[in-house]
Protein backbone atom coordinates (compact mmCIF):
# COMPACT_ATOMS: atom_id res chain seq x y z
CA UNK A 1 303.02 -79.49 186.27
CA UNK A 2 300.88 -82.42 187.48
CA UNK A 3 297.06 -82.46 187.45
CA UNK A 4 297.05 -78.67 187.28
CA UNK A 5 295.49 -75.93 185.16
CA UNK A 6 297.37 -72.80 184.05
CA UNK A 7 295.52 -69.70 182.88
CA UNK A 8 296.51 -67.51 179.95
CA UNK A 9 299.75 -65.57 180.40
CA UNK A 10 300.97 -67.60 183.40
CA UNK A 11 304.74 -67.81 183.86
CA UNK A 12 306.32 -70.71 185.77
CA UNK A 13 309.94 -70.63 186.95
CA UNK A 14 312.45 -73.43 186.59
CA UNK A 15 312.53 -76.23 189.13
CA UNK A 16 308.91 -75.54 190.12
CA UNK A 17 306.35 -78.23 191.01
CA UNK A 18 302.64 -77.52 190.62
CA UNK A 19 300.43 -80.42 191.69
CA UNK A 20 296.62 -80.35 191.84
CA UNK A 21 296.84 -76.57 191.47
CA UNK A 22 294.94 -73.93 189.49
CA UNK A 23 296.86 -70.80 188.48
CA UNK A 24 294.62 -68.02 187.21
CA UNK A 25 295.62 -65.70 184.32
CA UNK A 26 298.73 -63.52 184.37
CA UNK A 27 300.17 -64.99 187.56
CA UNK A 28 303.90 -65.65 187.87
CA UNK A 29 305.37 -68.51 189.88
CA UNK A 30 309.01 -68.12 190.92
CA UNK A 31 311.82 -70.64 190.55
CA UNK A 32 312.06 -73.63 192.92
CA UNK A 33 308.49 -73.22 194.13
CA UNK A 34 306.20 -76.06 195.22
CA UNK A 35 302.43 -75.59 195.26
CA UNK A 36 300.02 -78.43 196.02
CA UNK A 37 296.23 -78.19 196.27
CA UNK A 38 296.39 -74.44 195.70
CA UNK A 39 294.44 -71.83 193.75
CA UNK A 40 296.65 -68.89 192.78
CA UNK A 41 294.77 -65.63 192.16
CA UNK A 42 295.00 -63.81 188.82
CA UNK A 43 298.08 -61.62 188.59
CA UNK A 44 299.63 -63.01 191.78
CA UNK A 45 303.45 -62.89 191.87
CA UNK A 46 304.59 -65.92 193.89
CA UNK A 47 308.19 -65.51 195.09
CA UNK A 48 310.91 -68.07 194.34
CA UNK A 49 311.19 -70.83 196.91
CA UNK A 50 307.59 -70.61 198.10
CA UNK A 51 306.19 -73.86 199.51
CA UNK A 52 302.47 -74.31 200.04
CA UNK A 53 300.67 -77.55 200.88
CA UNK A 54 303.83 -79.65 201.40
CA UNK A 55 302.78 -80.47 204.15
CA UNK A 56 300.46 -77.75 205.40
CA UNK A 57 302.56 -77.17 208.50
CA UNK A 58 305.44 -76.05 206.26
CA UNK A 59 303.56 -73.42 204.23
CA UNK A 60 305.91 -70.46 203.72
CA UNK A 61 303.05 -67.99 203.07
CA UNK A 62 299.91 -68.19 205.20
CA UNK A 63 296.71 -68.03 203.15
CA UNK A 64 293.05 -68.99 203.24
CA UNK A 65 292.43 -72.74 203.55
CA UNK A 66 289.00 -74.04 202.55
CA UNK A 67 287.21 -76.72 204.65
CA UNK A 68 288.35 -79.20 201.98
CA UNK A 69 292.02 -78.27 202.45
CA UNK A 70 292.46 -76.21 199.26
CA UNK A 71 294.67 -73.18 199.71
CA UNK A 72 293.74 -69.86 198.05
CA UNK A 73 296.76 -67.60 197.54
CA UNK A 74 296.31 -63.92 196.67
CA UNK A 75 298.76 -61.09 196.05
CA UNK A 76 297.67 -59.59 199.39
CA UNK A 77 298.85 -62.80 201.13
CA UNK A 78 302.21 -62.60 199.37
CA UNK A 79 302.69 -58.90 200.11
CA UNK A 80 301.62 -59.22 203.75
CA UNK A 81 303.87 -62.16 204.51
CA UNK A 82 306.89 -61.84 202.25
CA UNK A 83 307.91 -58.32 203.24
CA UNK A 84 308.27 -56.73 206.69
CA UNK A 85 305.52 -54.25 207.48
CA UNK A 86 303.48 -55.42 204.53
CA UNK A 87 305.59 -53.53 201.97
CA UNK A 88 304.80 -54.51 198.41
CA UNK A 89 307.27 -56.85 196.72
CA UNK A 90 307.91 -54.37 193.88
CA UNK A 91 308.77 -51.57 196.35
CA UNK A 92 311.26 -53.73 198.25
CA UNK A 93 312.95 -54.85 195.02
CA UNK A 94 313.19 -51.24 193.83
CA UNK A 95 314.82 -50.21 197.12
CA UNK A 96 317.27 -53.12 196.96
CA UNK A 97 318.35 -52.16 193.43
CA UNK A 98 318.77 -48.51 194.41
CA UNK A 99 320.96 -49.33 197.42
CA UNK A 100 323.09 -51.80 195.40
CA UNK A 101 323.86 -49.22 192.69
């Protein structure tokens, strides 16, 4: 965590780099994630392996970019991009567990 601010209740996975980033309360950042120049919305669940702002052309989840180049990541961005058809992350995980068992 470099030049970053973490809100109350934030969880950060192992091997994660946060640089010049603000993570609002109760968000969770998955393992092996890199976020630079990003604001993460409260309660947002960022999947493992996400890369944002490293460089911008390699962002793994499209999100709002301010005129100053700051990215603003919301749960809606994660849900829309990370799962086909916009299915919520929790629903896809539940289905995966059900089919594995």
